[in-house]
Structures are given as C-alpha cells and as structure tokens.
Amino acid sequence: MSGALITETVFNYPGMGFLTTEAAFKTDIPVLLGTTLVATIATVAGSLLADILYAVADPRIRYAR
C-alpha cells in the first residue's frame, strides 16, 4: 500500500493508498479492515492467476489431477 500512496501522491490521484493512510490517521477501523481485505483478496487472486498462466505458458509444468 505504501507504493500506491507514493504513486497517488506523484500523480495527484486519490485511491486506495490515500484512503488507507487517511483512515489510519483518523483511526477509522472499518475502512482499514475493508482496504486490507480488498488488498488481500487481490493479492491471492493475482497469485492464483499467475500460477495458472505459468502452467499454460510452459508445457513442462503439469499439475497432478
């Protein structure tokens, strides 16, 4: 999230990093939990997608059924 905050600051774009930082300064726990949940789901989904695409792109990789 810190990388998102830096990018949002440079390009003046309000997004998840800014929202999370503002919620942390204001101790807004529900917003912090929501942004953490969204970031976690995006990370897990991205990892799963990368594993699937890696198996499709490389014929040497085979998952046992």
PDB file of N, CA and C in Angstrom:
ATOM      1  N   MET A   1       0.815  -1.196   0.000  1.00  0.00           N
ATOM      2  CA  MET A   1       0.000   0.000   0.000  1.00  0.00           C
ATOM      3  C   MET A   1       0.860   1.262   0.000  1.00  0.00           C
ATOM      4  N   SER A   2       2.085   1.175   0.500  1.00  0.00           N
ATOM      5  CA  SER A   2       2.921   2.369   0.528  1.00  0.00           C
ATOM      6  C   SER A   2       3.335   2.769  -0.885  1.00  0.00           C
ATOM      7  N   GLY A   3       3.541   1.795  -1.771  1.00  0.00           N
ATOM      8  CA  GLY A   3       3.852   2.122  -3.157  1.00  0.00           C
ATOM      9  C   GLY A   3       2.687   2.817  -3.835  1.00  0.00           C
ATOM     10  N   ALA A   4       1.483   2.384  -3.505  1.00  0.00           N
ATOM     11  CA  ALA A   4       0.297   3.038  -4.061  1.00  0.00           C
ATOM     12  C   ALA A   4       0.194   4.470  -3.561  1.00  0.00           C
ATOM     13  N   LEU A   5       0.534   4.691  -2.315  1.00  0.00           N
ATOM     14  CA  LEU A   5       0.465   6.050  -1.762  1.00  0.00           C
ATOM     15  C   LEU A   5       1.448   6.974  -2.470  1.00  0.00           C
ATOM     16  N   ILE A   6       2.652   6.490  -2.736  1.00  0.00           N
ATOM     17  CA  ILE A   6       3.657   7.310  -3.425  1.00  0.00           C
ATOM     18  C   ILE A   6       3.191   7.637  -4.842  1.00  0.00           C
ATOM     19  N   THR A   7       2.684   6.645  -5.551  1.00  0.00           N
ATOM     20  CA  THR A   7       2.193   6.867  -6.914  1.00  0.00           C
ATOM     21  C   THR A   7       1.020   7.836  -6.926  1.00  0.00           C
ATOM     22  N   GLU A   8       0.122   7.681  -5.987  1.00  0.00           N
ATOM     23  CA  GLU A   8      -1.036   8.572  -5.918  1.00  0.00           C
ATOM     24  C   GLU A   8      -0.622   9.998  -5.577  1.00  0.00           C
ATOM     25  N   THR A   9       0.406  10.144  -4.768  1.00  0.00           N
ATOM     26  CA  THR A   9       0.886  11.483  -4.423  1.00  0.00           C
ATOM     27  C   THR A   9       1.546  12.145  -5.622  1.00  0.00           C
ATOM     28  N   VAL A  10       2.362  11.398  -6.360  1.00  0.00           N
ATOM     29  CA  VAL A  10       3.065  11.954  -7.515  1.00  0.00           C
ATOM     30  C   VAL A  10       2.085  12.380  -8.603  1.00  0.00           C
ATOM     31  N   PHE A  11       1.092  11.553  -8.890  1.00  0.00           N
ATOM     32  CA  PHE A  11       0.150  11.841  -9.972  1.00  0.00           C
ATOM     33  C   PHE A  11      -1.140  12.502  -9.497  1.00  0.00           C
ATOM     34  N   ASN A  12      -1.218  12.846  -8.218  1.00  0.00           N
ATOM     35  CA  ASN A  12      -2.380  13.524  -7.653  1.00  0.00           C
ATOM     36  C   ASN A  12      -3.666  12.745  -7.950  1.00  0.00           C
ATOM     37  N   TYR A  13      -3.646  11.455  -7.621  1.00  0.00           N
ATOM     38  CA  TYR A  13      -4.765  10.559  -7.893  1.00  0.00           C
ATOM     39  C   TYR A  13      -5.252   9.960  -6.573  1.00  0.00           C
ATOM     40  N   PRO A  14      -6.486  10.250  -6.164  1.00  0.00           N
ATOM     41  CA  PRO A  14      -6.983   9.682  -4.905  1.00  0.00           C
ATOM     42  C   PRO A  14      -7.372   8.216  -5.094  1.00  0.00           C
ATOM     43  N   GLY A  15      -6.751   7.347  -4.328  1.00  0.00           N
ATOM     44  CA  GLY A  15      -7.029   5.925  -4.482  1.00  0.00           C
ATOM     45  C   GLY A  15      -6.939   5.190  -3.155  1.00  0.00           C
ATOM     46  N   MET A  16      -6.663   3.878  -3.247  1.00  0.00           N
ATOM     47  CA  MET A  16      -6.640   3.019  -2.060  1.00  0.00           C
ATOM     48  C   MET A  16      -5.542   3.407  -1.074  1.00  0.00           C
ATOM     49  N   GLY A  17      -4.374   3.784  -1.575  1.00  0.00           N
ATOM     50  CA  GLY A  17      -3.279   4.155  -0.674  1.00  0.00           C
ATOM     51  C   GLY A  17      -3.624   5.378   0.154  1.00  0.00           C
ATOM     52  N   PHE A  18      -4.178   6.383  -0.490  1.00  0.00           N
ATOM     53  CA  PHE A  18      -4.580   7.603   0.210  1.00  0.00           C
ATOM     54  C   PHE A  18      -5.708   7.314   1.195  1.00  0.00           C
ATOM     55  N   LEU A  19      -6.664   6.502   0.769  1.00  0.00           N
ATOM     56  CA  LEU A  19      -7.788   6.146   1.638  1.00  0.00           C
ATOM     57  C   LEU A  19      -7.304   5.412   2.884  1.00  0.00           C
ATOM     58  N   THR A  20      -6.385   4.469   2.700  1.00  0.00           N
ATOM     59  CA  THR A  20      -5.861   3.706   3.830  1.00  0.00           C
ATOM     60  C   THR A  20      -5.071   4.591   4.779  1.00  0.00           C
ATOM     61  N   THR A  21      -4.258   5.474   4.235  1.00  0.00           N
ATOM     62  CA  THR A  21      -3.466   6.366   5.074  1.00  0.00           C
ATOM     63  C   THR A  21      -4.356   7.311   5.874  1.00  0.00           C
ATOM     64  N   GLU A  22      -5.335   7.885   5.225  1.00  0.00           N
ATOM     65  CA  GLU A  22      -6.255   8.783   5.934  1.00  0.00           C
ATOM     66  C   GLU A  22      -7.035   8.036   7.018  1.00  0.00           C
ATOM     67  N   ALA A  23      -7.446   6.809   6.733  1.00  0.00           N
ATOM     68  CA  ALA A  23      -8.170   6.014   7.730  1.00  0.00           C
ATOM     69  C   ALA A  23      -7.265   5.683   8.916  1.00  0.00           C
ATOM     70  N   ALA A  24      -5.986   5.435   8.657  1.00  0.00           N
ATOM     71  CA  ALA A  24      -5.055   5.141   9.744  1.00  0.00           C
ATOM     72  C   ALA A  24      -4.846   6.362  10.637  1.00  0.00           C
ATOM     73  N   PHE A  25      -4.734   7.543  10.034  1.00  0.00           N
ATOM     74  CA  PHE A  25      -4.552   8.760  10.831  1.00  0.00           C
ATOM     75  C   PHE A  25      -5.797   9.114  11.642  1.00  0.00           C
ATOM     76  N   LYS A  26      -6.956   8.768  11.108  1.00  0.00           N
ATOM     77  CA  LYS A  26      -8.208   9.079  11.800  1.00  0.00           C
ATOM     78  C   LYS A  26      -8.711   7.908  12.649  1.00  0.00           C
ATOM     79  N   THR A  27      -7.939   6.810  12.698  1.00  0.00           N
ATOM     80  CA  THR A  27      -8.297   5.567  13.400  1.00  0.00           C
ATOM     81  C   THR A  27      -9.700   5.083  13.020  1.00  0.00           C
ATOM     82  N   ASP A  28      -9.934   5.019  11.725  1.00  0.00           N
ATOM     83  CA  ASP A  28     -11.197   4.522  11.193  1.00  0.00           C
ATOM     84  C   ASP A  28     -11.035   3.030  10.898  1.00  0.00           C
ATOM     85  N   ILE A  29     -11.322   2.215  11.889  1.00  0.00           N
ATOM     86  CA  ILE A  29     -11.057   0.777  11.830  1.00  0.00           C
ATOM     87  C   ILE A  29     -11.839   0.066  10.721  1.00  0.00           C
ATOM     88  N   PRO A  30     -13.135   0.329  10.514  1.00  0.00           N
ATOM     89  CA  PRO A  30     -13.838  -0.371   9.441  1.00  0.00           C
ATOM     90  C   PRO A  30     -13.245  -0.115   8.047  1.00  0.00           C
ATOM     91  N   VAL A  31     -12.815   1.103   7.784  1.00  0.00           N
ATOM     92  CA  VAL A  31     -12.201   1.398   6.485  1.00  0.00           C
ATOM     93  C   VAL A  31     -10.857   0.688   6.370  1.00  0.00           C
ATOM     94  N   LEU A  32     -10.076   0.659   7.432  1.00  0.00           N
ATOM     95  CA  LEU A  32      -8.801  -0.058   7.423  1.00  0.00           C
ATOM     96  C   LEU A  32      -9.011  -1.548   7.164  1.00  0.00           C
ATOM     97  N   LEU A  33      -9.995  -2.130   7.812  1.00  0.00           N
ATOM     98  CA  LEU A  33     -10.285  -3.546   7.590  1.00  0.00           C
ATOM     99  C   LEU A  33     -10.739  -3.799   6.152  1.00  0.00           C
ATOM    100  N   GLY A  34     -11.554  -2.913   5.621  1.00  0.00           N
ATOM    101  CA  GLY A  34     -12.031  -3.073   4.247  1.00  0.00           C
ATOM    102  C   GLY A  34     -10.912  -2.971   3.225  1.00  0.00           C
ATOM    103  N   THR A  35     -10.043  -1.980   3.363  1.00  0.00           N
ATOM    104  CA  THR A  35      -8.947  -1.836   2.407  1.00  0.00           C
ATOM    105  C   THR A  35      -7.947  -2.982   2.533  1.00  0.00           C
ATOM    106  N   THR A  36      -7.733  -3.467   3.736  1.00  0.00           N
ATOM    107  CA  THR A  36      -6.843  -4.607   3.930  1.00  0.00           C
ATOM    108  C   THR A  36      -7.447  -5.861   3.296  1.00  0.00           C
ATOM    109  N   LEU A  37      -8.738  -6.047   3.452  1.00  0.00           N
ATOM    110  CA  LEU A  37      -9.417  -7.196   2.855  1.00  0.00           C
ATOM    111  C   LEU A  37      -9.342  -7.157   1.331  1.00  0.00           C
ATOM    112  N   VAL A  38      -9.585  -6.003   0.742  1.00  0.00           N
ATOM    113  CA  VAL A  38      -9.529  -5.861  -0.712  1.00  0.00           C
ATOM    114  C   VAL A  38      -8.111  -6.127  -1.219  1.00  0.00           C
ATOM    115  N   ALA A  39      -7.108  -5.592  -0.541  1.00  0.00           N
ATOM    116  CA  ALA A  39      -5.716  -5.812  -0.946  1.00  0.00           C
ATOM    117  C   ALA A  39      -5.331  -7.280  -0.819  1.00  0.00           C
ATOM    118  N   THR A  40      -5.807  -7.941   0.226  1.00  0.00           N
ATOM    119  CA  THR A  40      -5.501  -9.356   0.430  1.00  0.00           C
ATOM    120  C   THR A  40      -6.145 -10.219  -0.644  1.00  0.00           C
ATOM    121  N   ILE A  41      -7.403  -9.966  -0.953  1.00  0.00           N
ATOM    122  CA  ILE A  41      -8.098 -10.737  -1.986  1.00  0.00           C
ATOM    123  C   ILE A  41      -7.440 -10.515  -3.348  1.00  0.00           C
ATOM    124  N   ALA A  42      -7.037  -9.285  -3.641  1.00  0.00           N
ATOM    125  CA  ALA A  42      -6.369  -9.004  -4.917  1.00  0.00           C
ATOM    126  C   ALA A  42      -5.022  -9.722  -5.001  1.00  0.00           C
ATOM    127  N   THR A  43      -4.296  -9.801  -3.898  1.00  0.00           N
ATOM    128  CA  THR A  43      -3.008 -10.487  -3.884  1.00  0.00           C
ATOM    129  C   THR A  43      -3.179 -11.986  -4.100  1.00  0.00           C
ATOM    130  N   VAL A  44      -4.132 -12.586  -3.420  1.00  0.00           N
ATOM    131  CA  VAL A  44      -4.368 -14.026  -3.566  1.00  0.00           C
ATOM    132  C   VAL A  44      -4.866 -14.346  -4.976  1.00  0.00           C
ATOM    133  N   ALA A  45      -5.767 -13.541  -5.503  1.00  0.00           N
ATOM    134  CA  ALA A  45      -6.279 -13.773  -6.856  1.00  0.00           C
ATOM    135  C   ALA A  45      -5.177 -13.599  -7.897  1.00  0.00           C
ATOM    136  N   GLY A  46      -4.331 -12.615  -7.721  1.00  0.00           N
ATOM    137  CA  GLY A  46      -3.218 -12.407  -8.648  1.00  0.00           C
ATOM    138  C   GLY A  46      -2.221 -13.549  -8.611  1.00  0.00           C
ATOM    139  N   SER A  47      -1.949 -14.062  -7.430  1.00  0.00           N
ATOM    140  CA  SER A  47      -1.040 -15.195  -7.297  1.00  0.00           C
ATOM    141  C   SER A  47      -1.614 -16.448  -7.959  1.00  0.00           C
ATOM    142  N   LEU A  48      -2.893 -16.691  -7.757  1.00  0.00           N
ATOM    143  CA  LEU A  48      -3.542 -17.839  -8.384  1.00  0.00           C
ATOM    144  C   LEU A  48      -3.547 -17.707  -9.899  1.00  0.00           C
ATOM    145  N   LEU A  49      -3.840 -16.527 -10.401  1.00  0.00           N
ATOM    146  CA  LEU A  49      -3.839 -16.290 -11.839  1.00  0.00           C
ATOM    147  C   LEU A  49      -2.439 -16.479 -12.434  1.00  0.00           C
ATOM    148  N   ALA A  50      -1.415 -16.007 -11.726  1.00  0.00           N
ATOM    149  CA  ALA A  50      -0.041 -16.179 -12.203  1.00  0.00           C
ATOM    150  C   ALA A  50       0.344 -17.648 -12.257  1.00  0.00           C
ATOM    151  N   ASP A  51      -0.056 -18.434 -11.268  1.00  0.00           N
ATOM    152  CA  ASP A  51       0.235 -19.869 -11.272  1.00  0.00           C
ATOM    153  C   ASP A  51      -0.455 -20.569 -12.432  1.00  0.00           C
ATOM    154  N   ILE A  52      -1.694 -20.230 -12.689  1.00  0.00           N
ATOM    155  CA  ILE A  52      -2.439 -20.857 -13.782  1.00  0.00           C
ATOM    156  C   ILE A  52      -1.833 -20.479 -15.127  1.00  0.00           C
ATOM    157  N   LEU A  53      -1.522 -19.205 -15.309  1.00  0.00           N
ATOM    158  CA  LEU A  53      -0.944 -18.768 -16.577  1.00  0.00           C
ATOM    159  C   LEU A  53       0.455 -19.335 -16.782  1.00  0.00           C
ATOM    160  N   TYR A  54       1.204 -19.537 -15.703  1.00  0.00           N
ATOM    161  CA  TYR A  54       2.524 -20.138 -15.807  1.00  0.00           C
ATOM    162  C   TYR A  54       2.411 -21.577 -16.302  1.00  0.00           C
ATOM    163  N   ALA A  55       1.436 -22.299 -15.824  1.00  0.00           N
ATOM    164  CA  ALA A  55       1.228 -23.680 -16.261  1.00  0.00           C
ATOM    165  C   ALA A  55       0.763 -23.724 -17.713  1.00  0.00           C
ATOM    166  N   VAL A  56       0.008 -22.746 -18.156  1.00  0.00           N
ATOM    167  CA  VAL A  56      -0.449 -22.706 -19.545  1.00  0.00           C
ATOM    168  C   VAL A  56       0.701 -22.343 -20.483  1.00  0.00           C
ATOM    169  N   ALA A  57       1.556 -21.414 -20.057  1.00  0.00           N
ATOM    170  CA  ALA A  57       2.629 -20.927 -20.914  1.00  0.00           C
ATOM    171  C   ALA A  57       3.788 -21.907 -21.037  1.00  0.00           C
ATOM    172  N   ASP A  58       4.065 -22.690 -20.008  1.00  0.00           N
ATOM    173  CA  ASP A  58       5.202 -23.605 -20.021  1.00  0.00           C
ATOM    174  C   ASP A  58       4.701 -25.041 -20.080  1.00  0.00           C
ATOM    175  N   PRO A  59       4.915 -25.731 -21.190  1.00  0.00           N
ATOM    176  CA  PRO A  59       4.375 -27.095 -21.307  1.00  0.00           C
ATOM    177  C   PRO A  59       5.055 -28.098 -20.379  1.00  0.00           C
ATOM    178  N   ARG A  60       6.215 -27.771 -19.817  1.00  0.00           N
ATOM    179  CA  ARG A  60       6.892 -28.694 -18.906  1.00  0.00           C
ATOM    180  C   ARG A  60       6.205 -28.764 -17.545  1.00  0.00           C
ATOM    181  N   ILE A  61       5.402 -27.758 -17.242  1.00  0.00           N
ATOM    182  CA  ILE A  61       4.711 -27.714 -15.956  1.00  0.00           C
ATOM    183  C   ILE A  61       3.393 -28.460 -16.095  1.00  0.00           C
ATOM    184  N   ARG A  62       3.186 -29.430 -15.210  1.00  0.00           N
ATOM    185  CA  ARG A  62       1.946 -30.193 -15.241  1.00  0.00           C
ATOM    186  C   ARG A  62       1.480 -30.387 -13.797  1.00  0.00           C
ATOM    187  N   TYR A  63       0.246 -30.058 -13.546  1.00  0.00           N
ATOM    188  CA  TYR A  63      -0.327 -30.248 -12.223  1.00  0.00           C
ATOM    189  C   TYR A  63      -0.995 -31.617 -12.178  1.00  0.00           C
ATOM    190  N   ALA A  64      -0.729 -32.365 -11.128  1.00  0.00           N
ATOM    191  CA  ALA A  64      -1.318 -33.706 -10.990  1.00  0.00           C
ATOM    192  C   ALA A  64      -2.807 -33.586 -10.710  1.00  0.00           C
ATOM    193  N   ARG A  65      -3.559 -34.510 -11.262  1.00  0.00           N
ATOM    194  CA  ARG A  65      -5.009 -34.491 -11.049  1.00  0.00           C
ATOM    195  C   ARG A  65      -5.411 -35.595 -10.136  1.00  0.00           C
TER     196      ARG A  65
END
